[in-house]
PDB file of N, CA and C in Angstrom:
ATOM      1  N   MET A   1     -81.760 -16.654  48.692  1.00  0.00           N
ATOM      2  CA  MET A   1     -82.364 -15.347  48.620  1.00  0.00           C
ATOM      3  C   MET A   1     -83.694 -15.399  49.431  1.00  0.00           C
ATOM      4  N   PHE A   2     -84.069 -14.347  50.044  1.00  0.00           N
ATOM      5  CA  PHE A   2     -85.293 -14.309  50.860  1.00  0.00           C
ATOM      6  C   PHE A   2     -86.268 -13.227  50.081  1.00  0.00           C
ATOM      7  N   ARG A   3     -87.428 -13.658  49.826  1.00  0.00           N
ATOM      8  CA  ARG A   3     -88.372 -12.718  49.035  1.00  0.00           C
ATOM      9  C   ARG A   3     -89.605 -12.329  49.862  1.00  0.00           C
ATOM     10  N   HIS A   4     -89.973 -11.123  49.626  1.00  0.00           N
ATOM     11  CA  HIS A   4     -91.168 -10.529  50.131  1.00  0.00           C
ATOM     12  C   HIS A   4     -92.120 -10.005  49.059  1.00  0.00           C
ATOM     13  N   VAL A   5     -93.261 -10.472  48.983  1.00  0.00           N
ATOM     14  CA  VAL A   5     -94.230 -10.221  47.931  1.00  0.00           C
ATOM     15  C   VAL A   5     -95.423  -9.524  48.682  1.00  0.00           C
ATOM     16  N   VAL A   6     -95.909  -8.324  48.122  1.00  0.00           N
ATOM     17  CA  VAL A   6     -97.044  -7.710  48.696  1.00  0.00           C
ATOM     18  C   VAL A   6     -97.957  -7.321  47.577  1.00  0.00           C
ATOM     19  N   LEU A   7     -99.258  -7.516  47.644  1.00  0.00           N
ATOM     20  CA  LEU A   7    -100.276  -7.121  46.724  1.00  0.00           C
ATOM     21  C   LEU A   7    -101.144  -6.193  47.355  1.00  0.00           C
ATOM     22  N   LEU A   8    -101.413  -4.937  46.811  1.00  0.00           N
ATOM     23  CA  LEU A   8    -102.159  -3.945  47.331  1.00  0.00           C
ATOM     24  C   LEU A   8    -103.380  -3.496  46.474  1.00  0.00           C
ATOM     25  N   ARG A   9    -104.493  -3.264  47.036  1.00  0.00           N
ATOM     26  CA  ARG A   9    -105.680  -2.774  46.371  1.00  0.00           C
ATOM     27  C   ARG A   9    -106.100  -1.516  46.964  1.00  0.00           C
ATOM     28  N   TRP A  10    -106.388  -0.532  46.078  1.00  0.00           N
ATOM     29  CA  TRP A  10    -106.672   0.782  46.497  1.00  0.00           C
ATOM     30  C   TRP A  10    -108.158   1.005  46.604  1.00  0.00           C
ATOM     31  N   VAL A  11    -108.614   2.017  47.410  1.00  0.00           N
ATOM     32  CA  VAL A  11    -110.054   2.330  47.566  1.00  0.00           C
ATOM     33  C   VAL A  11    -110.501   2.859  46.185  1.00  0.00           C
ATOM     34  N   ASP A  12    -111.764   2.677  45.931  1.00  0.00           N
ATOM     35  CA  ASP A  12    -112.338   3.216  44.711  1.00  0.00           C
ATOM     36  C   ASP A  12    -112.072   4.752  44.603  1.00  0.00           C
ATOM     37  N   ALA A  13    -111.921   5.200  43.467  1.00  0.00           N
ATOM     38  CA  ALA A  13    -111.745   6.615  43.038  1.00  0.00           C
ATOM     39  C   ALA A  13    -110.447   7.218  43.623  1.00  0.00           C
ATOM     40  N   THR A  14    -109.418   6.314  43.853  1.00  0.00           N
ATOM     41  CA  THR A  14    -108.078   6.757  44.159  1.00  0.00           C
ATOM     42  C   THR A  14    -107.508   7.448  42.962  1.00  0.00           C
ATOM     43  N   SER A  15    -107.037   8.665  43.049  1.00  0.00           N
ATOM     44  CA  SER A  15    -106.510   9.402  41.904  1.00  0.00           C
ATOM     45  C   SER A  15    -105.264   8.864  41.334  1.00  0.00           C
ATOM     46  N   PRO A  16    -105.014   9.025  40.043  1.00  0.00           N
ATOM     47  CA  PRO A  16    -103.774   8.615  39.435  1.00  0.00           C
ATOM     48  C   PRO A  16    -102.606   9.340  40.088  1.00  0.00           C
ATOM     49  N   GLU A  17    -102.734  10.560  40.562  1.00  0.00           N
ATOM     50  CA  GLU A  17    -101.646  11.260  41.183  1.00  0.00           C
ATOM     51  C   GLU A  17    -101.293  10.637  42.534  1.00  0.00           C
ATOM     52  N   ARG A  18    -102.233  10.130  43.295  1.00  0.00           N
ATOM     53  CA  ARG A  18    -102.029   9.563  44.560  1.00  0.00           C
ATOM     54  C   ARG A  18    -101.231   8.151  44.331  1.00  0.00           C
ATOM     55  N   ILE A  19    -101.652   7.319  43.242  1.00  0.00           N
ATOM     56  CA  ILE A  19    -101.044   6.177  42.920  1.00  0.00           C
ATOM     57  C   ILE A  19     -99.671   6.407  42.504  1.00  0.00           C
ATOM     58  N   ALA A  20     -99.355   7.473  41.672  1.00  0.00           N
ATOM     59  CA  ALA A  20     -98.078   7.825  41.269  1.00  0.00           C
ATOM     60  C   ALA A  20     -97.054   8.151  42.335  1.00  0.00           C
ATOM     61  N   ALA A  21     -97.612   8.892  43.359  1.00  0.00           N
ATOM     62  CA  ALA A  21     -96.872   9.300  44.663  1.00  0.00           C
ATOM     63  C   ALA A  21     -96.367   8.041  45.409  1.00  0.00           C
ATOM     64  N   VAL A  22     -97.319   7.058  45.427  1.00  0.00           N
ATOM     65  CA  VAL A  22     -97.020   5.736  46.061  1.00  0.00           C
ATOM     66  C   VAL A  22     -95.782   5.029  45.361  1.00  0.00           C
ATOM     67  N   THR A  23     -95.992   4.920  44.021  1.00  0.00           N
ATOM     68  CA  THR A  23     -95.092   4.195  43.257  1.00  0.00           C
ATOM     69  C   THR A  23     -93.683   4.870  43.128  1.00  0.00           C
ATOM     70  N   ASP A  24     -93.703   6.122  43.118  1.00  0.00           N
ATOM     71  CA  ASP A  24     -92.469   7.020  43.070  1.00  0.00           C
ATOM     72  C   ASP A  24     -91.739   6.775  44.458  1.00  0.00           C
ATOM     73  N   ALA A  25     -92.462   6.883  45.523  1.00  0.00           N
ATOM     74  CA  ALA A  25     -91.877   6.695  46.789  1.00  0.00           C
ATOM     75  C   ALA A  25     -91.364   5.289  46.931  1.00  0.00           C
ATOM     76  N   LEU A  26     -92.105   4.236  46.634  1.00  0.00           N
ATOM     77  CA  LEU A  26     -91.645   2.960  46.679  1.00  0.00           C
ATOM     78  C   LEU A  26     -90.284   2.685  45.799  1.00  0.00           C
ATOM     79  N   ARG A  27     -90.336   3.262  44.671  1.00  0.00           N
ATOM     80  CA  ARG A  27     -89.177   3.076  43.761  1.00  0.00           C
ATOM     81  C   ARG A  27     -87.945   3.717  44.354  1.00  0.00           C
ATOM     82  N   GLY A  28     -88.116   4.701  45.224  1.00  0.00           N
ATOM     83  CA  GLY A  28     -86.933   5.355  45.872  1.00  0.00           C
ATOM     84  C   GLY A  28     -86.320   4.558  47.059  1.00  0.00           C
ATOM     85  N   LEU A  29     -86.950   3.591  47.570  1.00  0.00           N
ATOM     86  CA  LEU A  29     -86.601   2.790  48.691  1.00  0.00           C
ATOM     87  C   LEU A  29     -85.244   2.086  48.557  1.00  0.00           C
ATOM     88  N   PRO A  30     -84.975   1.476  47.448  1.00  0.00           N
ATOM     89  CA  PRO A  30     -83.619   0.735  47.349  1.00  0.00           C
ATOM     90  C   PRO A  30     -82.415   1.598  47.528  1.00  0.00           C
ATOM     91  N   GLU A  31     -82.608   2.934  47.216  1.00  0.00           N
ATOM     92  CA  GLU A  31     -81.523   3.783  47.343  1.00  0.00           C
ATOM     93  C   GLU A  31     -81.203   4.180  48.836  1.00  0.00           C
ATOM     94  N   GLN A  32     -82.334   3.980  49.634  1.00  0.00           N
ATOM     95  CA  GLN A  32     -82.173   4.347  51.040  1.00  0.00           C
ATOM     96  C   GLN A  32     -82.092   3.126  52.004  1.00  0.00           C
ATOM     97  N   ILE A  33     -82.320   2.005  51.439  1.00  0.00           N
ATOM     98  CA  ILE A  33     -82.282   0.751  52.251  1.00  0.00           C
ATOM     99  C   ILE A  33     -81.334  -0.212  51.640  1.00  0.00           C
ATOM    100  N   PRO A  34     -80.148  -0.254  51.987  1.00  0.00           N
ATOM    101  CA  PRO A  34     -79.145  -1.121  51.290  1.00  0.00           C
ATOM    102  C   PRO A  34     -79.356  -2.601  51.360  1.00  0.00           C
ATOM    103  N   GLU A  35     -80.136  -2.966  52.314  1.00  0.00           N
ATOM    104  CA  GLU A  35     -80.436  -4.449  52.493  1.00  0.00           C
ATOM    105  C   GLU A  35     -81.212  -4.984  51.234  1.00  0.00           C
ATOM    106  N   ILE A  36     -81.891  -4.179  50.480  1.00  0.00           N
ATOM    107  CA  ILE A  36     -82.615  -4.682  49.380  1.00  0.00           C
ATOM    108  C   ILE A  36     -81.728  -4.963  48.187  1.00  0.00           C
ATOM    109  N   ALA A  37     -81.824  -6.226  47.699  1.00  0.00           N
ATOM    110  CA  ALA A  37     -81.041  -6.632  46.673  1.00  0.00           C
ATOM    111  C   ALA A  37     -81.573  -6.419  45.289  1.00  0.00           C
ATOM    112  N   ARG A  38     -82.875  -6.568  45.244  1.00  0.00           N
ATOM    113  CA  ARG A  38     -83.713  -6.305  44.069  1.00  0.00           C
ATOM    114  C   ARG A  38     -85.186  -5.864  44.417  1.00  0.00           C
ATOM    115  N   TYR A  39     -85.717  -4.912  43.768  1.00  0.00           N
ATOM    116  CA  TYR A  39     -86.984  -4.424  43.979  1.00  0.00           C
ATOM    117  C   TYR A  39     -87.773  -4.167  42.781  1.00  0.00           C
ATOM    118  N   THR A  40     -88.910  -4.844  42.591  1.00  0.00           N
ATOM    119  CA  THR A  40     -89.789  -4.758  41.435  1.00  0.00           C
ATOM    120  C   THR A  40     -91.072  -4.232  41.817  1.00  0.00           C
ATOM    121  N   ILE A  41     -91.682  -3.269  41.129  1.00  0.00           N
ATOM    122  CA  ILE A  41     -93.009  -2.789  41.372  1.00  0.00           C
ATOM    123  C   ILE A  41     -93.675  -2.830  40.051  1.00  0.00           C
ATOM    124  N   GLY A  42     -95.007  -3.301  40.115  1.00  0.00           N
ATOM    125  CA  GLY A  42     -95.806  -3.357  38.913  1.00  0.00           C
ATOM    126  C   GLY A  42     -97.281  -3.079  39.234  1.00  0.00           C
ATOM    127  N   THR A  43     -97.928  -2.340  38.330  1.00  0.00           N
ATOM    128  CA  THR A  43     -99.306  -2.073  38.521  1.00  0.00           C
ATOM    129  C   THR A  43    -100.070  -3.023  37.613  1.00  0.00           C
ATOM    130  N   ASP A  44    -101.237  -3.407  37.998  1.00  0.00           N
ATOM    131  CA  ASP A  44    -102.037  -4.478  37.334  1.00  0.00           C
ATOM    132  C   ASP A  44    -102.330  -4.026  35.930  1.00  0.00           C
ATOM    133  N   ALA A  45    -102.269  -5.036  35.044  1.00  0.00           N
ATOM    134  CA  ALA A  45    -102.519  -4.864  33.626  1.00  0.00           C
ATOM    135  C   ALA A  45    -103.903  -4.716  33.164  1.00  0.00           C
ATOM    136  N   GLY A  46    -104.865  -4.977  34.162  1.00  0.00           N
ATOM    137  CA  GLY A  46    -106.228  -4.722  33.968  1.00  0.00           C
ATOM    138  C   GLY A  46    -106.948  -5.793  33.186  1.00  0.00           C
ATOM    139  N   ILE A  47    -106.372  -7.074  33.177  1.00  0.00           N
ATOM    140  CA  ILE A  47    -106.973  -8.082  32.434  1.00  0.00           C
ATOM    141  C   ILE A  47    -108.098  -8.792  33.134  1.00  0.00           C
ATOM    142  N   ASN A  48    -107.929  -9.007  34.369  1.00  0.00           N
ATOM    143  CA  ASN A  48    -108.831  -9.607  35.327  1.00  0.00           C
ATOM    144  C   ASN A  48    -109.417  -8.705  36.380  1.00  0.00           C
ATOM    145  N   ALA A  49    -110.679  -8.644  36.433  1.00  0.00           N
ATOM    146  CA  ALA A  49    -111.365  -7.614  37.321  1.00  0.00           C
ATOM    147  C   ALA A  49    -111.091  -7.705  38.811  1.00  0.00           C
ATOM    148  N   GLU A  50    -110.770  -8.842  39.385  1.00  0.00           N
ATOM    149  CA  GLU A  50    -110.584  -8.926  40.826  1.00  0.00           C
ATOM    150  C   GLU A  50    -109.124  -8.813  41.236  1.00  0.00           C
ATOM    151  N   ASN A  51    -108.182  -8.512  40.342  1.00  0.00           N
ATOM    152  CA  ASN A  51    -106.855  -8.476  40.717  1.00  0.00           C
ATOM    153  C   ASN A  51    -106.512  -7.321  41.625  1.00  0.00           C
ATOM    154  N   ALA A  52    -105.329  -7.435  42.361  1.00  0.00           N
ATOM    155  CA  ALA A  52    -104.871  -6.261  43.075  1.00  0.00           C
ATOM    156  C   ALA A  52    -104.341  -5.201  42.090  1.00  0.00           C
ATOM    157  N   ASP A  53    -104.156  -4.001  42.583  1.00  0.00           N
ATOM    158  CA  ASP A  53    -103.761  -2.842  41.872  1.00  0.00           C
ATOM    159  C   ASP A  53    -102.234  -2.717  41.708  1.00  0.00           C
ATOM    160  N   LEU A  54    -101.545  -3.080  42.718  1.00  0.00           N
ATOM    161  CA  LEU A  54    -100.025  -2.938  42.776  1.00  0.00           C
ATOM    162  C   LEU A  54     -99.431  -4.112  43.330  1.00  0.00           C
ATOM    163  N   ALA A  55     -98.286  -4.472  42.727  1.00  0.00           N
ATOM    164  CA  ALA A  55     -97.456  -5.587  43.381  1.00  0.00           C
ATOM    165  C   ALA A  55     -96.090  -5.060  43.611  1.00  0.00           C
ATOM    166  N   VAL A  56     -95.538  -5.504  44.833  1.00  0.00           N
ATOM    167  CA  VAL A  56     -94.140  -5.248  45.147  1.00  0.00           C
ATOM    168  C   VAL A  56     -93.433  -6.562  45.346  1.00  0.00           C
ATOM    169  N   VAL A  57     -92.237  -6.731  44.802  1.00  0.00           N
ATOM    170  CA  VAL A  57     -91.478  -7.889  45.102  1.00  0.00           C
ATOM    171  C   VAL A  57     -90.126  -7.417  45.418  1.00  0.00           C
ATOM    172  N   ALA A  58     -89.707  -7.720  46.749  1.00  0.00           N
ATOM    173  CA  ALA A  58     -88.479  -7.309  47.291  1.00  0.00           C
ATOM    174  C   ALA A  58     -87.624  -8.556  47.521  1.00  0.00           C
ATOM    175  N   ASP A  59     -86.438  -8.536  47.051  1.00  0.00           N
ATOM    176  CA  ASP A  59     -85.507  -9.589  47.246  1.00  0.00           C
ATOM    177  C   ASP A  59     -84.415  -9.169  48.198  1.00  0.00           C
ATOM    178  N   PHE A  60     -83.985 -10.076  49.113  1.00  0.00           N
ATOM    179  CA  PHE A  60     -82.830  -9.827  50.052  1.00  0.00           C
ATOM    180  C   PHE A  60     -81.909 -10.964  49.800  1.00  0.00           C
ATOM    181  N   ALA A  61     -80.591 -10.698  49.679  1.00  0.00           N
ATOM    182  CA  ALA A  61     -79.646 -11.717  49.568  1.00  0.00           C
ATOM    183  C   ALA A  61     -79.462 -12.568  50.671  1.00  0.00           C
ATOM    184  N   ASP A  62     -79.825 -12.130  51.803  1.00  0.00           N
ATOM    185  CA  ASP A  62     -79.717 -12.876  53.160  1.00  0.00           C
ATOM    186  C   ASP A  62     -80.685 -14.062  53.136  1.00  0.00           C
ATOM    187  N   PHE A  63     -80.103 -15.202  52.873  1.00  0.00           N
ATOM    188  CA  PHE A  63     -80.928 -16.382  52.854  1.00  0.00           C
ATOM    189  C   PHE A  63     -81.149 -17.087  54.149  1.00  0.00           C
ATOM    190  N   ALA A  64     -79.998 -17.158  54.911  1.00  0.00           N
ATOM    191  CA  ALA A  64     -80.004 -17.833  56.144  1.00  0.00           C
ATOM    192  C   ALA A  64     -80.929 -17.383  57.203  1.00  0.00           C
ATOM    193  N   ASP A  65     -81.030 -16.068  57.360  1.00  0.00           N
ATOM    194  CA  ASP A  65     -81.843 -15.511  58.359  1.00  0.00           C
ATOM    195  C   ASP A  65     -82.656 -14.291  57.739  1.00  0.00           C
ATOM    196  N   ARG A  66     -83.602 -13.775  58.492  1.00  0.00           N
ATOM    197  CA  ARG A  66     -84.437 -12.768  57.933  1.00  0.00           C
ATOM    198  C   ARG A  66     -84.116 -11.378  58.290  1.00  0.00           C
ATOM    199  N   ALA A  67     -82.822 -11.132  58.732  1.00  0.00           N
ATOM    200  CA  ALA A  67     -82.463  -9.821  59.167  1.00  0.00           C
ATOM    201  C   ALA A  67     -82.559  -8.715  58.244  1.00  0.00           C
ATOM    202  N   ALA A  68     -82.217  -9.003  56.990  1.00  0.00           N
ATOM    203  CA  ALA A  68     -82.318  -7.947  55.906  1.00  0.00           C
ATOM    204  C   ALA A  68     -83.772  -7.557  55.705  1.00  0.00           C
ATOM    205  N   TYR A  69     -84.710  -8.548  55.562  1.00  0.00           N
ATOM    206  CA  TYR A  69     -86.136  -8.179  55.495  1.00  0.00           C
ATOM    207  C   TYR A  69     -86.618  -7.489  56.571  1.00  0.00           C
ATOM    208  N   LEU A  70     -86.177  -7.825  57.837  1.00  0.00           N
ATOM    209  CA  LEU A  70     -86.772  -7.112  59.005  1.00  0.00           C
ATOM    210  C   LEU A  70     -86.251  -5.773  59.008  1.00  0.00           C
ATOM    211  N   THR A  71     -85.135  -5.458  58.576  1.00  0.00           N
ATOM    212  CA  THR A  71     -84.558  -4.086  58.512  1.00  0.00           C
ATOM    213  C   THR A  71     -85.329  -3.294  57.546  1.00  0.00           C
ATOM    214  N   TYR A  72     -85.686  -3.805  56.412  1.00  0.00           N
ATOM    215  CA  TYR A  72     -86.521  -3.158  55.379  1.00  0.00           C
ATOM    216  C   TYR A  72     -87.942  -3.033  56.064  1.00  0.00           C
ATOM    217  N   ARG A  73     -88.510  -3.965  56.621  1.00  0.00           N
ATOM    218  CA  ARG A  73     -89.846  -3.869  57.113  1.00  0.00           C
ATOM    219  C   ARG A  73     -90.012  -2.763  58.121  1.00  0.00           C
ATOM    220  N   ASP A  74     -88.959  -2.659  58.961  1.00  0.00           N
ATOM    221  CA  ASP A  74     -89.085  -1.630  60.021  1.00  0.00           C
ATOM    222  C   ASP A  74     -88.440  -0.328  59.744  1.00  0.00           C
ATOM    223  N   HIS A  75     -87.765  -0.188  58.587  1.00  0.00           N
ATOM    224  CA  HIS A  75     -87.006   1.026  58.308  1.00  0.00           C
ATOM    225  C   HIS A  75     -87.895   2.300  58.292  1.00  0.00           C
ATOM    226  N   PRO A  76     -87.440   3.277  58.958  1.00  0.00           N
ATOM    227  CA  PRO A  76     -88.230   4.479  59.027  1.00  0.00           C
ATOM    228  C   PRO A  76     -88.845   5.142  57.667  1.00  0.00           C
ATOM    229  N   VAL A  77     -88.063   5.087  56.693  1.00  0.00           N
ATOM    230  CA  VAL A  77     -88.430   5.590  55.322  1.00  0.00           C
ATOM    231  C   VAL A  77     -89.461   4.672  54.744  1.00  0.00           C
ATOM    232  N   HIS A  78     -89.318   3.372  54.882  1.00  0.00           N
ATOM    233  CA  HIS A  78     -90.448   2.472  54.478  1.00  0.00           C
ATOM    234  C   HIS A  78     -91.737   2.617  55.237  1.00  0.00           C
ATOM    235  N   ARG A  79     -91.525   2.784  56.542  1.00  0.00           N
ATOM    236  CA  ARG A  79     -92.751   3.007  57.326  1.00  0.00           C
ATOM    237  C   ARG A  79     -93.457   4.206  57.074  1.00  0.00           C
ATOM    238  N   ALA A  80     -92.622   5.277  56.709  1.00  0.00           N
ATOM    239  CA  ALA A  80     -93.262   6.532  56.375  1.00  0.00           C
ATOM    240  C   ALA A  80     -94.049   6.505  55.029  1.00  0.00           C
ATOM    241  N   VAL A  81     -93.485   5.707  54.089  1.00  0.00           N
ATOM    242  CA  VAL A  81     -94.365   5.542  52.849  1.00  0.00           C
ATOM    243  C   VAL A  81     -95.619   4.762  53.110  1.00  0.00           C
ATOM    244  N   ILE A  82     -95.651   3.768  53.971  1.00  0.00           N
ATOM    245  CA  ILE A  82     -96.812   2.994  54.349  1.00  0.00           C
ATOM    246  C   ILE A  82     -97.741   4.034  55.079  1.00  0.00           C
ATOM    247  N   ASP A  83     -97.297   4.662  56.116  1.00  0.00           N
ATOM    248  CA  ASP A  83     -98.152   5.359  56.902  1.00  0.00           C
ATOM    249  C   ASP A  83     -98.734   6.636  56.248  1.00  0.00           C
ATOM    250  N   GLU A  84     -97.944   7.266  55.562  1.00  0.00           N
ATOM    251  CA  GLU A  84     -98.288   8.534  54.852  1.00  0.00           C
ATOM    252  C   GLU A  84     -98.928   8.498  53.539  1.00  0.00           C
ATOM    253  N   LEU A  85     -98.589   7.466  52.788  1.00  0.00           N
ATOM    254  CA  LEU A  85     -99.035   7.320  51.367  1.00  0.00           C
ATOM    255  C   LEU A  85    -100.004   6.082  51.047  1.00  0.00           C
ATOM    256  N   ILE A  86     -99.665   4.986  51.621  1.00  0.00           N
ATOM    257  CA  ILE A  86    -100.340   3.802  51.234  1.00  0.00           C
ATOM    258  C   ILE A  86    -101.571   3.624  52.207  1.00  0.00           C
ATOM    259  N   THR A  87    -101.400   3.713  53.387  1.00  0.00           N
ATOM    260  CA  THR A  87    -102.608   3.521  54.357  1.00  0.00           C
ATOM    261  C   THR A  87    -103.827   4.400  54.055  1.00  0.00           C
ATOM    262  N   PRO A  88    -103.606   5.545  53.743  1.00  0.00           N
ATOM    263  CA  PRO A  88    -104.897   6.465  53.427  1.00  0.00           C
ATOM    264  C   PRO A  88    -105.721   6.007  52.248  1.00  0.00           C
ATOM    265  N   ILE A  89    -105.104   5.141  51.316  1.00  0.00           N
ATOM    266  CA  ILE A  89    -105.806   4.772  50.153  1.00  0.00           C
ATOM    267  C   ILE A  89    -105.922   3.257  50.083  1.00  0.00           C
ATOM    268  N   LEU A  90    -105.652   2.573  51.055  1.00  0.00           N
ATOM    269  CA  LEU A  90    -105.565   1.086  51.109  1.00  0.00           C
ATOM    270  C   LEU A  90    -106.912   0.512  51.335  1.00  0.00           C
ATOM    271  N   ALA A  91    -107.330  -0.327  50.448  1.00  0.00           N
ATOM    272  CA  ALA A  91    -108.606  -1.227  50.512  1.00  0.00           C
ATOM    273  C   ALA A  91    -108.303  -2.601  50.906  1.00  0.00           C
ATOM    274  N   GLY A  92    -107.128  -3.066  50.626  1.00  0.00           N
ATOM    275  CA  GLY A  92    -106.703  -4.398  50.974  1.00  0.00           C
ATOM    276  C   GLY A  92    -105.206  -4.723  50.646  1.00  0.00           C
ATOM    277  N   ARG A  93    -104.668  -5.635  51.526  1.00  0.00           N
ATOM    278  CA  ARG A  93    -103.233  -6.014  51.431  1.00  0.00           C
ATOM    279  C   ARG A  93    -103.192  -7.508  51.695  1.00  0.00           C
ATOM    280  N   THR A  94    -102.353  -8.153  50.823  1.00  0.00           N
ATOM    281  CA  THR A  94    -101.963  -9.526  51.028  1.00  0.00           C
ATOM    282  C   THR A  94    -100.458  -9.601  50.846  1.00  0.00           C
ATOM    283  N   ALA A  95     -99.693 -10.374  51.724  1.00  0.00           N
ATOM    284  CA  ALA A  95     -98.322 -10.528  51.549  1.00  0.00           C
ATOM    285  C   ALA A  95     -97.861 -11.798  51.983  1.00  0.00           C
ATOM    286  N   LEU A  96     -96.704 -12.161  51.571  1.00  0.00           N
ATOM    287  CA  LEU A  96     -95.905 -13.318  52.140  1.00  0.00           C
ATOM    288  C   LEU A  96     -94.526 -13.191  52.011  1.00  0.00           C
ATOM    289  N   GLN A  97     -93.781 -13.893  52.754  1.00  0.00           N
ATOM    290  CA  GLN A  97     -92.289 -13.928  52.638  1.00  0.00           C
ATOM    291  C   GLN A  97     -91.886 -15.441  52.507  1.00  0.00           C
ATOM    292  N   PHE A  98     -90.770 -15.671  51.714  1.00  0.00           N
ATOM    293  CA  PHE A  98     -90.396 -17.063  51.559  1.00  0.00           C
ATOM    294  C   PHE A  98     -88.960 -17.012  51.064  1.00  0.00           C
ATOM    295  N   ASP A  99     -88.395 -18.274  51.313  1.00  0.00           N
ATOM    296  CA  ASP A  99     -86.939 -18.474  50.812  1.00  0.00           C
ATOM    297  C   ASP A  99     -87.082 -18.943  49.268  1.00  0.00           C
ATOM    298  N   VAL A 100     -86.250 -18.315  48.523  1.00  0.00           N
ATOM    299  CA  VAL A 100     -86.168 -18.644  47.176  1.00  0.00           C
ATOM    300  C   VAL A 100     -85.013 -19.700  46.895  1.00  0.00           C
ATOM    301  N   ASP A 101     -85.381 -20.818  46.411  1.00  0.00           N
ATOM    302  CA  ASP A 101     -84.380 -21.886  46.177  1.00  0.00           C
ATOM    303  C   ASP A 101     -83.498 -21.510  44.972  1.00  0.00           C
ATOM    304  N   ALA A 102     -82.217 -21.175  45.107  1.00  0.00           N
ATOM    305  CA  ALA A 102     -81.363 -20.847  44.073  1.00  0.00           C
ATOM    306  C   ALA A 102     -81.189 -21.831  43.059  1.00  0.00           C
ATOM    307  N   ASP A 103     -81.469 -23.173  43.389  1.00  0.00           N
ATOM    308  CA  ASP A 103     -81.334 -24.225  42.455  1.00  0.00           C
ATOM    309  C   ASP A 103     -82.505 -24.596  41.716  1.00  0.00           C
ATOM    310  N   ALA A 104     -83.659 -23.903  41.954  1.00  0.00           N
ATOM    311  CA  ALA A 104     -84.994 -24.248  41.331  1.00  0.00           C
ATOM    312  C   ALA A 104     -85.024 -23.713  40.094  1.00  0.00           C
TER     313      ALA A 104
END
């Protein structure tokens, strides 16, 4: 399996409505991008002050190559969520992609 993890931080004073719009749009992506095998979204529990605000973990069954992830990354619906909803309220982003060892 191939995994993509992204952590997002919002600019101060981002409204709950804007955050809800982002999470709703992200939750709709698996229905529109069949390459996604599993998609998990979570907001920070608020325990540690310096944490990110939102995490997205996307799993792709395609282990040998990264084609499924690249399709997701460049998909027009995903790009629209980023460009229209995330970028205007984004204060910071960290991401990585890695192979998940099925035997681990």
